[in-house]
Amino acid sequence: MVKYSSDQKTPSKKHKTKVSKRVGLGTKKSHARKGMSTGKKKMASGESTKPQIARLQLSGVPHKKSGRPLEEVVTYSEMEFKPRETTTTGNIVLIGPPRITRFEKARITGARSLQLSLGAPAFIRVSEDIKDSISLATAELEARALPISIRRVLPNGVYQDIPIEWMK
């Protein structure tokens, strides 16, 4: 590919790229060109590189994912947590802030506006100023008219299902 500068009609030397021609498409040697990696050469010639990876994994040597020395890499044993619900007395939010976070609001508004755009009935009376499904979903959320609960989960598996009526 040759690029021209805006004021020249001839190709500029600094923007000129090398175009190579493929000769002998039917032969395997034509694919093994100079500058090609050995993996690409093997793939072009029909040899597979997958057995090498399989041999590395089966030989007991772990396949390194990073370039760090193994003595610097910290590995933790996997911990299994079973999800369990916290019990509350009254309308108290135990996990997280006592209000709807902006992320929860965005998730609820997006899901509800999709439902409304697909023909779901509205839970509140639609006023004249509401023109689209996103503003209707936001109005439903602010009116606390949605029959929805938010599940907040801690890293140890403890969760709490919070109805939006409990939120401030």
Protein backbone atom coordinates (compact mmCIF):
# COMPACT_ATOMS: atom_id res chain seq x y z
CA MET A 1 0.00 0.00 0.00
CA VAL A 2 1.38 3.40 -0.92
CA LYS A 3 0.33 6.56 0.88
CA TYR A 4 0.51 9.97 -0.69
CA SER A 5 1.01 13.17 1.21
CA SER A 6 -1.64 15.83 0.65
CA ASP A 7 0.51 18.14 -1.51
CA GLN A 8 2.30 15.48 -3.58
CA LYS A 9 1.13 13.39 -6.51
CA THR A 10 4.00 10.92 -6.19
CA PRO A 11 4.47 8.54 -3.30
CA SER A 12 6.43 9.85 -0.35
CA LYS A 13 9.45 7.75 0.61
CA LYS A 14 8.78 7.90 4.31
CA HIS A 15 5.21 6.60 3.92
CA LYS A 16 5.98 3.89 1.38
CA THR A 17 5.36 0.35 2.58
CA LYS A 18 6.68 -2.85 1.11
CA VAL A 19 4.23 -4.94 -0.88
CA SER A 20 5.18 -8.59 -1.24
CA LYS A 21 3.96 -10.93 -3.96
CA ARG A 22 2.82 -14.47 -3.27
CA VAL A 23 4.42 -16.92 -5.64
CA GLY A 24 3.55 -20.59 -5.91
CA LEU A 25 0.42 -20.77 -3.81
CA GLY A 26 0.25 -24.54 -4.11
CA THR A 27 3.62 -25.35 -2.54
CA LYS A 28 4.36 -25.50 1.17
CA LYS A 29 7.71 -23.75 0.82
CA SER A 30 6.09 -20.58 -0.48
CA HIS A 31 4.43 -20.05 2.91
CA ALA A 32 7.65 -20.32 4.93
CA ARG A 33 8.98 -16.85 4.19
CA LYS A 34 11.59 -14.77 5.86
CA GLY A 35 10.19 -12.81 8.80
CA MET A 36 7.51 -15.37 9.64
CA SER A 37 7.53 -16.87 13.13
CA THR A 38 8.14 -20.58 13.51
CA GLY A 39 4.59 -21.14 14.74
CA LYS A 40 3.16 -19.51 11.62
CA LYS A 41 5.57 -21.51 9.45
CA LYS A 42 4.41 -24.74 11.10
CA MET A 43 0.77 -23.77 10.70
CA ALA A 44 1.35 -22.90 7.03
CA SER A 45 3.16 -26.17 6.39
CA GLY A 46 0.42 -28.21 8.07
CA GLU A 47 2.23 -29.03 11.32
CA SER A 48 0.37 -28.40 14.54
CA THR A 49 1.70 -26.44 17.50
CA LYS A 50 -0.95 -27.79 19.91
CA PRO A 51 0.93 -30.99 20.83
CA GLN A 52 3.77 -28.85 22.21
CA ILE A 53 1.39 -27.00 24.52
CA ALA A 54 -0.21 -30.28 25.57
CA ARG A 55 3.22 -31.79 26.29
CA LEU A 56 4.11 -28.81 28.48
CA GLN A 57 0.93 -29.16 30.48
CA LEU A 58 1.16 -32.93 30.81
CA SER A 59 4.83 -32.99 31.76
CA GLY A 60 4.08 -31.58 35.22
CA VAL A 61 5.58 -28.16 34.49
CA PRO A 62 2.89 -25.50 35.01
CA HIS A 63 2.27 -23.26 32.03
CA LYS A 64 3.33 -19.74 33.05
CA LYS A 65 0.74 -17.04 32.41
CA SER A 66 2.88 -14.11 33.47
CA GLY A 67 6.49 -13.13 33.10
CA ARG A 68 7.09 -12.88 36.85
CA PRO A 69 9.44 -15.32 38.59
CA LEU A 70 7.59 -18.18 40.30
CA GLU A 71 8.88 -17.20 43.76
CA GLU A 72 7.14 -13.82 43.44
CA VAL A 73 3.77 -15.27 42.46
CA VAL A 74 1.39 -15.78 45.37
CA THR A 75 -1.28 -18.45 44.98
CA TYR A 76 -4.15 -19.02 47.35
CA SER A 77 -6.11 -22.18 47.89
CA GLU A 78 -9.65 -21.97 46.62
CA MET A 79 -12.18 -21.32 49.35
CA GLU A 80 -15.71 -22.58 48.93
CA PHE A 81 -18.52 -20.47 50.30
CA LYS A 82 -22.10 -21.53 50.38
CA PRO A 83 -24.57 -18.68 49.88
CA ARG A 84 -26.60 -18.00 52.99
CA GLU A 85 -29.11 -15.27 53.69
CA THR A 86 -28.87 -12.96 56.67
CA THR A 87 -31.91 -12.65 58.87
CA THR A 88 -33.16 -9.19 59.74
CA THR A 89 -35.53 -7.89 62.34
CA GLY A 90 -37.64 -5.21 60.78
CA ASN A 91 -36.82 -3.12 57.74
CA ILE A 92 -33.09 -2.76 58.33
CA VAL A 93 -30.49 -2.84 55.57
CA LEU A 94 -27.50 -4.76 56.94
CA ILE A 95 -25.35 -4.99 53.81
CA GLY A 96 -24.28 -1.82 52.05
CA PRO A 97 -25.68 1.69 52.28
CA PRO A 98 -29.32 2.24 53.29
CA ARG A 99 -30.13 3.83 49.91
CA ILE A 100 -30.08 2.65 46.31
CA THR A 101 -26.61 3.07 44.82
CA ARG A 102 -26.16 4.61 41.38
CA PHE A 103 -25.17 1.23 39.98
CA GLU A 104 -28.33 -0.44 41.28
CA LYS A 105 -30.42 2.46 39.99
CA ALA A 106 -28.85 2.16 36.53
CA ARG A 107 -29.39 -1.61 36.44
CA ILE A 108 -33.03 -1.39 37.55
CA THR A 109 -33.80 1.52 35.22
CA GLY A 110 -32.22 -0.23 32.24
CA ALA A 111 -34.01 -3.53 32.84
CA ARG A 112 -37.37 -1.84 33.44
CA SER A 113 -37.06 0.44 30.40
CA LEU A 114 -36.37 -2.63 28.25
CA GLN A 115 -39.52 -4.27 29.62
CA LEU A 116 -41.54 -1.11 28.92
CA SER A 117 -40.19 -0.82 25.37
CA LEU A 118 -41.23 -4.42 24.72
CA GLY A 119 -44.83 -3.67 25.75
CA ALA A 120 -45.01 -4.24 29.52
CA PRO A 121 -47.71 -2.21 31.29
CA ALA A 122 -46.67 0.73 33.46
CA PHE A 123 -47.09 0.57 37.25
CA ILE A 124 -47.80 4.30 37.59
CA ARG A 125 -50.04 6.74 35.76
CA VAL A 126 -48.13 8.10 32.76
CA SER A 127 -48.07 11.92 32.77
CA GLU A 128 -47.81 14.21 29.75
CA ASP A 129 -44.11 15.04 30.27
CA ILE A 130 -42.98 11.40 30.05
CA LYS A 131 -42.07 10.68 26.42
CA ASP A 132 -39.78 7.63 26.51
CA SER A 133 -39.34 4.35 28.38
CA ILE A 134 -36.24 5.45 30.32
CA SER A 135 -37.97 8.43 31.93
CA LEU A 136 -41.00 6.23 32.73
CA ALA A 137 -38.74 3.61 34.34
CA THR A 138 -37.00 6.33 36.38
CA ALA A 139 -40.38 7.72 37.49
CA GLU A 140 -41.51 4.22 38.54
CA LEU A 141 -38.32 3.72 40.54
CA GLU A 142 -38.65 7.10 42.29
CA ALA A 143 -42.29 6.31 43.14
CA ARG A 144 -41.15 2.93 44.57
CA ALA A 145 -43.85 1.26 42.48
CA LEU A 146 -41.67 -1.58 41.19
CA PRO A 147 -42.11 -4.99 42.84
CA ILE A 148 -38.38 -5.68 42.92
CA SER A 149 -35.74 -6.65 45.48
CA ILE A 150 -32.03 -5.96 45.37
CA ARG A 151 -29.68 -8.76 46.36
CA ARG A 152 -26.45 -7.53 47.92
CA VAL A 153 -23.79 -10.21 48.29
CA LEU A 154 -20.66 -10.15 50.44
CA PRO A 155 -17.46 -11.95 49.33
CA ASN A 156 -17.96 -14.69 51.93
CA GLY A 157 -21.33 -15.71 50.43
CA VAL A 158 -23.64 -13.91 52.84
CA TYR A 159 -26.40 -12.02 51.05
CA GLN A 160 -29.46 -9.94 51.82
CA ASP A 161 -32.52 -9.46 49.62
CA ILE A 162 -33.70 -5.88 50.11
CA PRO A 163 -37.06 -4.69 48.75
CA ILE A 164 -36.81 -1.19 47.30
CA GLU A 165 -39.51 -0.02 49.72
CA TRP A 166 -36.89 -0.29 52.50
CA MET A 167 -34.49 2.06 50.70
CA LYS A 168 -34.39 5.76 51.43
